[in-house]
Structures are given as C-alpha cells and as structure tokens.
N, C-alpha and C. Protein backbone atom coordinates (compact mmCIF):
# COMPACT_ATOMS: atom_id res chain seq x y z
N MET A 1 -5.26 9.30 -52.89
CA MET A 1 -4.01 8.40 -52.79
C MET A 1 -3.22 9.55 -51.60
N ILE A 2 -2.96 10.50 -51.86
CA ILE A 2 -2.19 11.56 -50.98
C ILE A 2 -3.15 11.79 -49.48
N GLU A 3 -4.42 11.75 -49.67
CA GLU A 3 -5.38 12.01 -48.55
C GLU A 3 -5.21 10.87 -47.89
N VAL A 4 -5.27 9.57 -48.18
CA VAL A 4 -5.21 8.35 -47.62
C VAL A 4 -3.93 8.43 -46.86
N ILE A 5 -2.62 8.90 -47.35
CA ILE A 5 -1.55 8.70 -46.62
C ILE A 5 -1.29 9.75 -45.46
N VAL A 6 -2.03 10.91 -45.77
CA VAL A 6 -2.13 11.94 -44.75
C VAL A 6 -3.04 11.63 -43.57
N VAL A 7 -4.09 10.87 -43.76
CA VAL A 7 -5.10 10.45 -42.77
C VAL A 7 -4.19 9.43 -42.06
N LEU A 8 -3.59 8.38 -42.73
CA LEU A 8 -2.73 7.46 -41.90
C LEU A 8 -1.64 7.84 -41.11
N ALA A 9 -1.10 9.01 -41.58
CA ALA A 9 0.17 9.64 -40.78
C ALA A 9 -0.53 10.09 -39.38
N ILE A 10 -1.77 10.83 -39.77
CA ILE A 10 -2.08 11.53 -38.54
C ILE A 10 -2.59 10.39 -37.34
N LEU A 11 -3.26 9.51 -37.86
CA LEU A 11 -3.80 8.31 -37.01
C LEU A 11 -2.50 7.76 -36.36
N GLY A 12 -1.57 7.43 -37.10
CA GLY A 12 -0.16 6.91 -36.43
C GLY A 12 0.35 7.57 -35.60
N LEU A 13 0.11 8.91 -35.71
CA LEU A 13 0.99 9.78 -34.53
C LEU A 13 -0.19 10.16 -33.54
N SER A 14 -1.10 9.84 -33.79
CA SER A 14 -2.47 9.87 -32.61
C SER A 14 -2.03 8.66 -31.92
N LEU A 15 -2.13 7.58 -32.29
CA LEU A 15 -1.86 6.15 -31.70
C LEU A 15 -0.59 6.28 -30.80
N ALA A 16 0.53 6.90 -31.49
CA ALA A 16 1.78 6.71 -30.80
C ALA A 16 1.58 7.72 -29.46
N LEU A 17 0.97 8.90 -29.51
CA LEU A 17 0.71 9.69 -28.36
C LEU A 17 0.10 9.25 -27.32
N ILE A 18 -1.22 8.29 -27.74
CA ILE A 18 -1.81 7.69 -26.60
C ILE A 18 -1.26 6.58 -26.07
N VAL A 19 -0.59 6.01 -26.63
CA VAL A 19 0.19 4.63 -26.08
C VAL A 19 1.31 5.21 -25.25
N GLY A 20 2.05 5.93 -25.69
CA GLY A 20 2.95 6.50 -24.74
C GLY A 20 2.55 7.43 -23.71
N TYR A 21 1.48 7.71 -23.38
CA TYR A 21 0.94 8.61 -22.29
C TYR A 21 0.87 7.70 -21.02
N ARG A 22 1.50 8.61 -19.97
CA ARG A 22 1.57 8.02 -18.75
C ARG A 22 1.03 9.17 -17.90
N ALA A 23 0.09 8.87 -16.97
CA ALA A 23 -0.28 9.92 -16.14
C ALA A 23 0.57 10.25 -15.27
N PRO A 24 0.67 11.89 -14.95
CA PRO A 24 1.82 12.13 -14.00
C PRO A 24 1.39 11.79 -12.29
N TRP A 25 2.59 11.37 -11.72
CA TRP A 25 2.29 11.26 -10.24
C TRP A 25 1.61 12.43 -9.32
N SER A 26 0.42 11.97 -8.85
CA SER A 26 -0.45 13.00 -8.13
C SER A 26 -0.20 12.76 -6.79
N GLY A 27 0.52 13.59 -6.02
CA GLY A 27 0.89 13.46 -4.63
C GLY A 27 -0.25 13.19 -3.86
N GLY A 28 -1.21 13.88 -3.60
CA GLY A 28 -2.51 13.82 -2.75
C GLY A 28 -3.05 12.60 -3.11
N LEU A 29 -3.23 12.21 -4.31
CA LEU A 29 -3.96 10.94 -4.58
C LEU A 29 -2.92 9.90 -4.51
N GLY A 30 -2.14 9.83 -4.81
CA GLY A 30 -1.26 8.51 -4.67
C GLY A 30 -0.83 8.28 -2.91
N LEU A 31 -1.05 9.19 -2.37
CA LEU A 31 -0.76 9.14 -0.78
C LEU A 31 -2.01 8.66 -0.28
N ARG A 32 -3.16 9.13 -0.71
CA ARG A 32 -4.40 8.54 -0.35
C ARG A 32 -4.64 7.05 -0.95
N GLY A 33 -4.27 6.67 -1.99
CA GLY A 33 -4.43 5.56 -2.72
C GLY A 33 -3.73 4.59 -1.94
N THR A 34 -2.18 4.94 -1.65
CA THR A 34 -1.53 4.16 -1.03
C THR A 34 -2.07 3.70 0.51
N ALA A 35 -2.35 4.87 1.06
CA ALA A 35 -3.02 4.29 2.72
C ALA A 35 -4.28 3.63 2.20
N ALA A 36 -5.11 3.74 1.13
CA ALA A 36 -6.12 2.90 1.39
C ALA A 36 -5.88 1.44 1.08
N GLU A 37 -4.71 1.18 0.03
CA GLU A 37 -4.07 -0.01 -0.06
C GLU A 37 -3.61 -0.71 0.81
N LEU A 38 -2.65 -0.09 1.98
CA LEU A 38 -2.47 -0.46 2.93
C LEU A 38 -3.46 -0.98 4.08
N ALA A 39 -4.59 0.01 4.12
CA ALA A 39 -5.67 -0.45 4.84
C ALA A 39 -6.38 -1.61 4.32
N GLY A 40 -6.59 -1.86 3.18
CA GLY A 40 -7.08 -2.87 2.47
C GLY A 40 -6.34 -4.07 2.94
N GLY A 41 -5.15 -4.14 2.89
CA GLY A 41 -4.24 -5.52 3.00
C GLY A 41 -4.28 -5.74 4.57
N LEU A 42 -4.47 -4.82 5.32
CA LEU A 42 -4.52 -4.83 6.97
C LEU A 42 -5.95 -5.68 6.86
N ARG A 43 -6.99 -5.25 6.48
CA ARG A 43 -8.21 -5.82 6.69
C ARG A 43 -8.21 -7.32 6.19
N VAL A 44 -7.55 -7.29 4.94
CA VAL A 44 -7.44 -8.83 4.47
C VAL A 44 -6.85 -9.61 5.48
N ALA A 45 -5.59 -9.12 5.90
CA ALA A 45 -5.10 -10.21 7.19
C ALA A 45 -5.94 -10.48 7.97
N ARG A 46 -6.59 -9.40 8.70
CA ARG A 46 -7.35 -9.74 9.91
C ARG A 46 -8.43 -10.79 9.19
N SER A 47 -8.87 -10.54 8.39
CA SER A 47 -10.05 -11.50 7.60
C SER A 47 -9.73 -13.08 7.63
N GLU A 48 -8.37 -13.18 7.07
CA GLU A 48 -7.94 -14.30 6.95
C GLU A 48 -7.56 -15.16 8.05
N ALA A 49 -7.24 -14.34 9.16
CA ALA A 49 -6.68 -15.16 10.58
C ALA A 49 -8.21 -15.29 11.18
N ILE A 50 -9.41 -14.60 10.94
CA ILE A 50 -10.54 -15.21 11.50
C ILE A 50 -11.10 -16.31 10.76
N ILE A 51 -11.09 -16.48 9.47
CA ILE A 51 -11.56 -17.31 8.71
C ILE A 51 -10.65 -18.73 8.83
N SER A 52 -9.67 -18.59 8.84
CA SER A 52 -8.40 -19.87 8.78
C SER A 52 -8.38 -20.21 10.26
N ASN A 53 -8.60 -19.25 11.13
CA ASN A 53 -8.38 -19.81 12.50
C ASN A 53 -6.77 -19.94 13.15
N ARG A 54 -6.30 -19.14 12.38
CA ARG A 54 -4.90 -19.09 13.00
C ARG A 54 -4.62 -17.81 12.67
N PRO A 55 -3.19 -17.61 13.35
CA PRO A 55 -2.64 -16.12 13.06
C PRO A 55 -2.00 -15.74 11.66
N VAL A 56 -2.22 -14.44 11.32
CA VAL A 56 -1.82 -14.06 9.95
C VAL A 56 -1.02 -12.67 10.35
N ALA A 57 0.10 -12.70 9.40
CA ALA A 57 1.05 -11.54 9.54
C ALA A 57 0.90 -10.52 8.49
N PHE A 58 1.24 -9.34 8.68
CA PHE A 58 0.81 -8.32 7.68
C PHE A 58 2.60 -7.82 7.91
N GLN A 59 3.22 -8.02 6.88
CA GLN A 59 4.59 -7.86 6.69
C GLN A 59 4.93 -6.54 6.11
N LEU A 60 5.61 -5.78 6.62
CA LEU A 60 5.85 -4.35 5.91
C LEU A 60 7.56 -4.21 6.05
N ASP A 61 8.26 -4.20 4.52
CA ASP A 61 9.48 -4.14 4.25
C ASP A 61 9.92 -2.77 3.79
N LEU A 62 10.43 -1.75 4.85
CA LEU A 62 10.44 -0.72 4.92
C LEU A 62 11.47 -0.14 3.86
N ALA A 63 12.69 -0.98 3.74
CA ALA A 63 13.65 -0.85 2.71
C ALA A 63 13.48 -0.92 1.52
N GLY A 64 12.44 -1.96 1.27
CA GLY A 64 12.29 -2.51 0.02
C GLY A 64 10.74 -2.02 -0.64
N HIS A 65 10.13 -0.98 0.16
CA HIS A 65 8.84 -0.27 -0.27
C HIS A 65 8.07 -1.51 -0.50
N ARG A 66 7.65 -2.23 0.24
CA ARG A 66 6.65 -3.24 -0.34
C ARG A 66 6.00 -4.12 1.22
N TYR A 67 4.95 -4.77 0.91
CA TYR A 67 4.56 -5.32 1.78
C TYR A 67 3.85 -6.61 1.39
N GLN A 68 3.38 -7.54 2.48
CA GLN A 68 2.74 -8.96 2.24
C GLN A 68 2.17 -9.40 3.28
N VAL A 69 0.70 -9.84 2.89
CA VAL A 69 -0.26 -10.46 3.77
C VAL A 69 -0.07 -11.89 3.84
N GLY A 70 0.34 -12.62 4.89
CA GLY A 70 0.35 -14.06 5.09
C GLY A 70 1.23 -14.43 4.14
N LYS A 71 0.86 -15.34 3.16
CA LYS A 71 1.76 -16.19 2.34
C LYS A 71 1.47 -15.60 0.98
N ALA A 72 0.90 -14.64 0.56
CA ALA A 72 0.87 -14.07 -0.39
C ALA A 72 2.01 -13.30 -1.06
N GLU A 73 1.75 -12.90 -2.44
CA GLU A 73 3.14 -12.44 -3.00
C GLU A 73 3.35 -10.89 -2.69
N PRO A 74 4.39 -10.49 -2.19
CA PRO A 74 4.56 -9.25 -2.16
C PRO A 74 4.39 -8.09 -3.03
N ARG A 75 3.66 -7.25 -2.27
CA ARG A 75 3.03 -6.01 -3.30
C ARG A 75 4.07 -4.78 -3.21
N PRO A 76 4.33 -4.20 -4.22
CA PRO A 76 5.01 -2.88 -4.04
C PRO A 76 4.47 -1.75 -3.44
N LEU A 77 5.22 -0.76 -2.90
CA LEU A 77 4.50 0.73 -2.66
C LEU A 77 5.41 1.63 -3.53
N PRO A 78 4.62 3.03 -3.67
CA PRO A 78 5.62 3.83 -4.43
C PRO A 78 6.95 4.25 -3.66
N ALA A 79 8.08 4.38 -4.64
CA ALA A 79 9.44 4.38 -3.85
C ALA A 79 9.34 5.73 -3.33
N GLN A 80 8.79 6.71 -3.97
CA GLN A 80 8.80 8.62 -3.51
C GLN A 80 8.12 8.66 -2.27
N LEU A 81 7.45 7.51 -1.35
CA LEU A 81 6.82 8.02 -0.41
C LEU A 81 7.57 7.35 0.84
N THR A 82 7.78 8.24 2.20
CA THR A 82 8.42 7.88 3.25
C THR A 82 7.58 6.89 3.96
N ILE A 83 7.86 5.69 4.45
CA ILE A 83 7.06 4.91 5.38
C ILE A 83 7.69 4.80 6.71
N GLU A 84 6.97 4.66 7.76
CA GLU A 84 7.56 4.42 9.08
C GLU A 84 6.45 3.25 9.60
N LEU A 85 7.05 2.48 10.42
CA LEU A 85 6.21 1.44 11.22
C LEU A 85 6.44 1.74 12.41
N LEU A 86 5.27 1.55 13.37
CA LEU A 86 5.44 1.65 14.60
C LEU A 86 4.66 0.22 15.26
N THR A 87 5.23 -0.49 15.79
CA THR A 87 4.68 -1.74 16.27
C THR A 87 5.39 -2.14 17.49
N VAL A 88 4.93 -3.56 18.09
CA VAL A 88 5.51 -3.94 19.19
C VAL A 88 6.90 -4.49 19.12
N ALA A 89 7.71 -4.61 19.93
CA ALA A 89 9.36 -4.77 19.84
C ALA A 89 9.35 -6.38 19.42
N GLY A 90 8.48 -7.19 19.72
CA GLY A 90 8.84 -8.55 19.12
C GLY A 90 8.31 -8.90 17.87
N GLU A 91 7.75 -8.03 17.12
CA GLU A 91 7.16 -8.10 15.70
C GLU A 91 8.20 -7.26 14.89
N ARG A 92 9.10 -6.84 15.51
CA ARG A 92 10.40 -6.19 14.46
C ARG A 92 11.45 -7.19 14.16
N HIS A 93 11.71 -7.24 12.78
CA HIS A 93 12.60 -7.69 12.29
C HIS A 93 13.80 -7.22 11.78
N GLY A 94 14.74 -6.44 12.99
CA GLY A 94 15.70 -5.49 12.08
C GLY A 94 15.17 -3.97 12.10
N SER A 95 15.88 -3.20 11.49
CA SER A 95 15.49 -2.03 11.46
C SER A 95 14.56 -1.51 10.21
N ALA A 96 14.56 -2.68 9.32
CA ALA A 96 13.81 -1.96 8.42
C ALA A 96 12.32 -3.16 7.77
N THR A 97 12.27 -4.00 8.70
CA THR A 97 11.09 -4.80 8.35
C THR A 97 10.25 -4.93 9.65
N GLY A 98 9.08 -5.39 9.79
CA GLY A 98 8.04 -5.52 10.56
C GLY A 98 6.86 -6.11 10.55
N ASP A 99 6.13 -6.59 11.60
CA ASP A 99 5.02 -7.17 11.53
C ASP A 99 3.83 -6.73 12.20
N ILE A 100 2.72 -6.65 11.75
CA ILE A 100 1.43 -6.59 12.61
C ILE A 100 0.85 -7.84 12.48
N ARG A 101 0.69 -8.65 13.42
CA ARG A 101 0.00 -9.76 13.45
C ARG A 101 -1.39 -10.01 14.27
N PHE A 102 -2.23 -10.58 13.47
CA PHE A 102 -3.90 -10.72 13.59
C PHE A 102 -3.76 -12.01 14.07
N ASN A 103 -4.77 -12.10 15.28
CA ASN A 103 -5.02 -13.49 15.82
C ASN A 103 -6.57 -13.83 15.28
N PRO A 104 -6.80 -14.98 15.52
CA PRO A 104 -7.85 -15.65 15.20
C PRO A 104 -9.21 -15.07 15.57
N ASP A 105 -9.26 -14.49 16.84
CA ASP A 105 -10.32 -13.81 17.34
C ASP A 105 -10.60 -12.25 17.05
N GLY A 106 -9.57 -11.82 15.87
CA GLY A 106 -9.86 -10.70 15.38
C GLY A 106 -8.93 -9.54 16.05
N SER A 107 -8.28 -9.84 17.07
CA SER A 107 -7.25 -8.86 17.96
C SER A 107 -6.27 -8.85 17.00
N SER A 108 -5.02 -8.02 17.40
CA SER A 108 -4.00 -8.03 16.52
C SER A 108 -2.91 -7.43 17.78
N THR A 109 -1.90 -7.37 17.14
CA THR A 109 -0.64 -6.63 18.04
C THR A 109 -0.69 -5.52 18.03
N GLY A 110 -1.37 -4.71 17.17
CA GLY A 110 -1.51 -3.39 17.21
C GLY A 110 -0.32 -2.66 16.61
N GLY A 111 -0.36 -1.43 16.01
CA GLY A 111 0.32 -0.70 15.21
C GLY A 111 -0.12 0.51 14.71
N ARG A 112 0.86 1.18 13.83
CA ARG A 112 0.53 2.19 13.07
C ARG A 112 1.71 2.47 11.94
N ILE A 113 1.22 2.45 10.63
CA ILE A 113 1.93 2.99 9.60
C ILE A 113 1.75 3.99 9.29
N SER A 114 2.95 4.65 9.06
CA SER A 114 2.87 6.34 8.76
C SER A 114 3.44 6.32 7.20
N ILE A 115 2.93 7.19 6.35
CA ILE A 115 3.35 7.35 4.76
C ILE A 115 3.26 8.94 4.89
N GLY A 116 4.11 9.23 4.14
CA GLY A 116 4.23 10.67 3.35
C GLY A 116 4.96 11.16 2.42
N ASP A 117 4.64 12.14 1.85
CA ASP A 117 5.05 12.68 0.66
C ASP A 117 6.12 14.01 0.70
N GLY A 118 6.51 14.40 2.07
CA GLY A 118 7.19 15.43 2.26
C GLY A 118 6.24 16.52 2.44
N LYS A 119 4.90 16.65 2.12
CA LYS A 119 4.06 17.98 2.58
C LYS A 119 3.24 17.36 3.56
N ARG A 120 2.57 16.10 2.93
CA ARG A 120 1.50 15.78 3.89
C ARG A 120 2.08 14.09 4.35
N GLY A 121 0.86 13.86 5.24
CA GLY A 121 1.18 12.61 5.88
C GLY A 121 0.03 11.85 6.45
N ILE A 122 -0.27 10.43 6.15
CA ILE A 122 -1.20 10.02 6.63
C ILE A 122 -0.99 8.72 7.17
N ALA A 123 -1.71 8.24 8.75
CA ALA A 123 -1.37 7.21 9.34
C ALA A 123 -2.53 6.02 9.21
N VAL A 124 -2.25 4.84 9.22
CA VAL A 124 -2.88 3.95 9.16
C VAL A 124 -2.80 3.07 10.35
N GLY A 125 -3.83 3.00 11.26
CA GLY A 125 -3.52 2.56 12.47
C GLY A 125 -4.44 1.37 12.95
N VAL A 126 -3.91 0.49 13.62
CA VAL A 126 -4.62 -1.14 13.97
C VAL A 126 -4.89 -0.97 15.25
N ASP A 127 -5.81 -1.25 15.88
CA ASP A 127 -6.02 -1.19 17.46
C ASP A 127 -5.88 -2.68 17.76
N TRP A 128 -5.08 -2.71 18.75
CA TRP A 128 -4.68 -4.07 19.50
C TRP A 128 -5.86 -4.85 19.86
N LEU A 129 -6.74 -4.35 20.44
CA LEU A 129 -7.82 -5.19 20.90
C LEU A 129 -8.89 -5.68 20.16
N THR A 130 -9.28 -4.88 19.39
CA THR A 130 -10.05 -5.19 18.23
C THR A 130 -9.82 -5.51 16.94
N GLY A 131 -8.62 -4.97 16.64
CA GLY A 131 -8.02 -5.28 15.16
C GLY A 131 -8.65 -4.29 14.31
N ARG A 132 -9.42 -3.16 14.42
CA ARG A 132 -9.92 -2.26 13.67
C ARG A 132 -8.81 -1.40 13.17
N VAL A 133 -9.13 -1.19 11.61
CA VAL A 133 -8.10 -0.67 10.97
C VAL A 133 -8.36 0.81 10.60
N SER A 134 -7.77 1.95 10.99
CA SER A 134 -8.43 3.20 10.58
C SER A 134 -7.58 4.11 9.83
N VAL A 135 -7.76 5.06 9.11
CA VAL A 135 -7.02 5.84 8.40
C VAL A 135 -7.20 7.26 8.61
N ALA A 136 -6.04 7.94 8.98
CA ALA A 136 -6.41 9.57 9.30
C ALA A 136 -5.32 10.38 8.98
N ASP A 137 -5.57 11.83 8.50
CA ASP A 137 -4.36 12.61 8.37
C ASP A 137 -3.63 13.01 9.55
N GLU A 138 -2.44 12.85 9.37
CA GLU A 138 -1.22 13.29 10.09
C GLU A 138 -1.10 14.77 10.23
N ARG A 139 -0.86 15.24 11.28
CA ARG A 139 -0.61 17.16 11.40
C ARG A 139 0.59 17.49 11.76
C-alpha cells in the first residue's frame, strides 16, 4: 500500500511539472516566427484581393501590437518586439496604425514592416508593383 501511495505521489508531481511548463521566449526564433507570420498575413491579403476581385487591407496596429487581414479577427504580436511601419502617407491612420493595401491585380501600396528585439532586426517588405512579399535581416 505504501508503494502505491509513493508511486501516485511521484506521478502527481511529474504531472504538475509537465502541465506547468512553459517554454522560455527565444529571441531569435520568436523574431523569425513573427516575421514569417507577418509575411504569411500579407500573402493572404494579396491572395484574398486577387480571388475576391476587390482591394484588401493588411492593417497593422503598432500600439496594440496586432494585425488584421481584411475583415478577419485581429491577431496579436509579441509585446516584447519593436515594430515599425513604412507605408505611403495615405495609408497611415495616426501615428500608431497603418495599412498596406493589395489591389485585385496583385499590386499593392507597398511598404515595409521592421521588427526587432533590441539585438536583431528583420524587415518584411512588400513590392508596390507586384505585391511580392520578402523577408530579410536588417543590418
């Protein structure tokens, strides 16, 4: 009987450790993952514009650390990253929000989203003529 109680106690402690485990934030992986997520969202916006034959905006809220593709639900971004948006003046909505708009022919207003963690930086760029999305390290 004592052995069963000891085994149950060890299993309970192991389960508590496993359930409570949360992986630490990895700066490099988190930064690259966020850049890939933003690039994916931009590509989805371009695809939606082409398929639906209407303009679709990729909206970026710098203060709220979130983005939205068209009418979809806003998606959060990690708060520990710095985010900057470079886009045409007509697509800025105050100092903290802005859009990159994709047209039905695949072109866009163009722009660049720069994200960083204090040590490294990555730029997600959108070509205005083709709407092509690219990801590159900033130096």
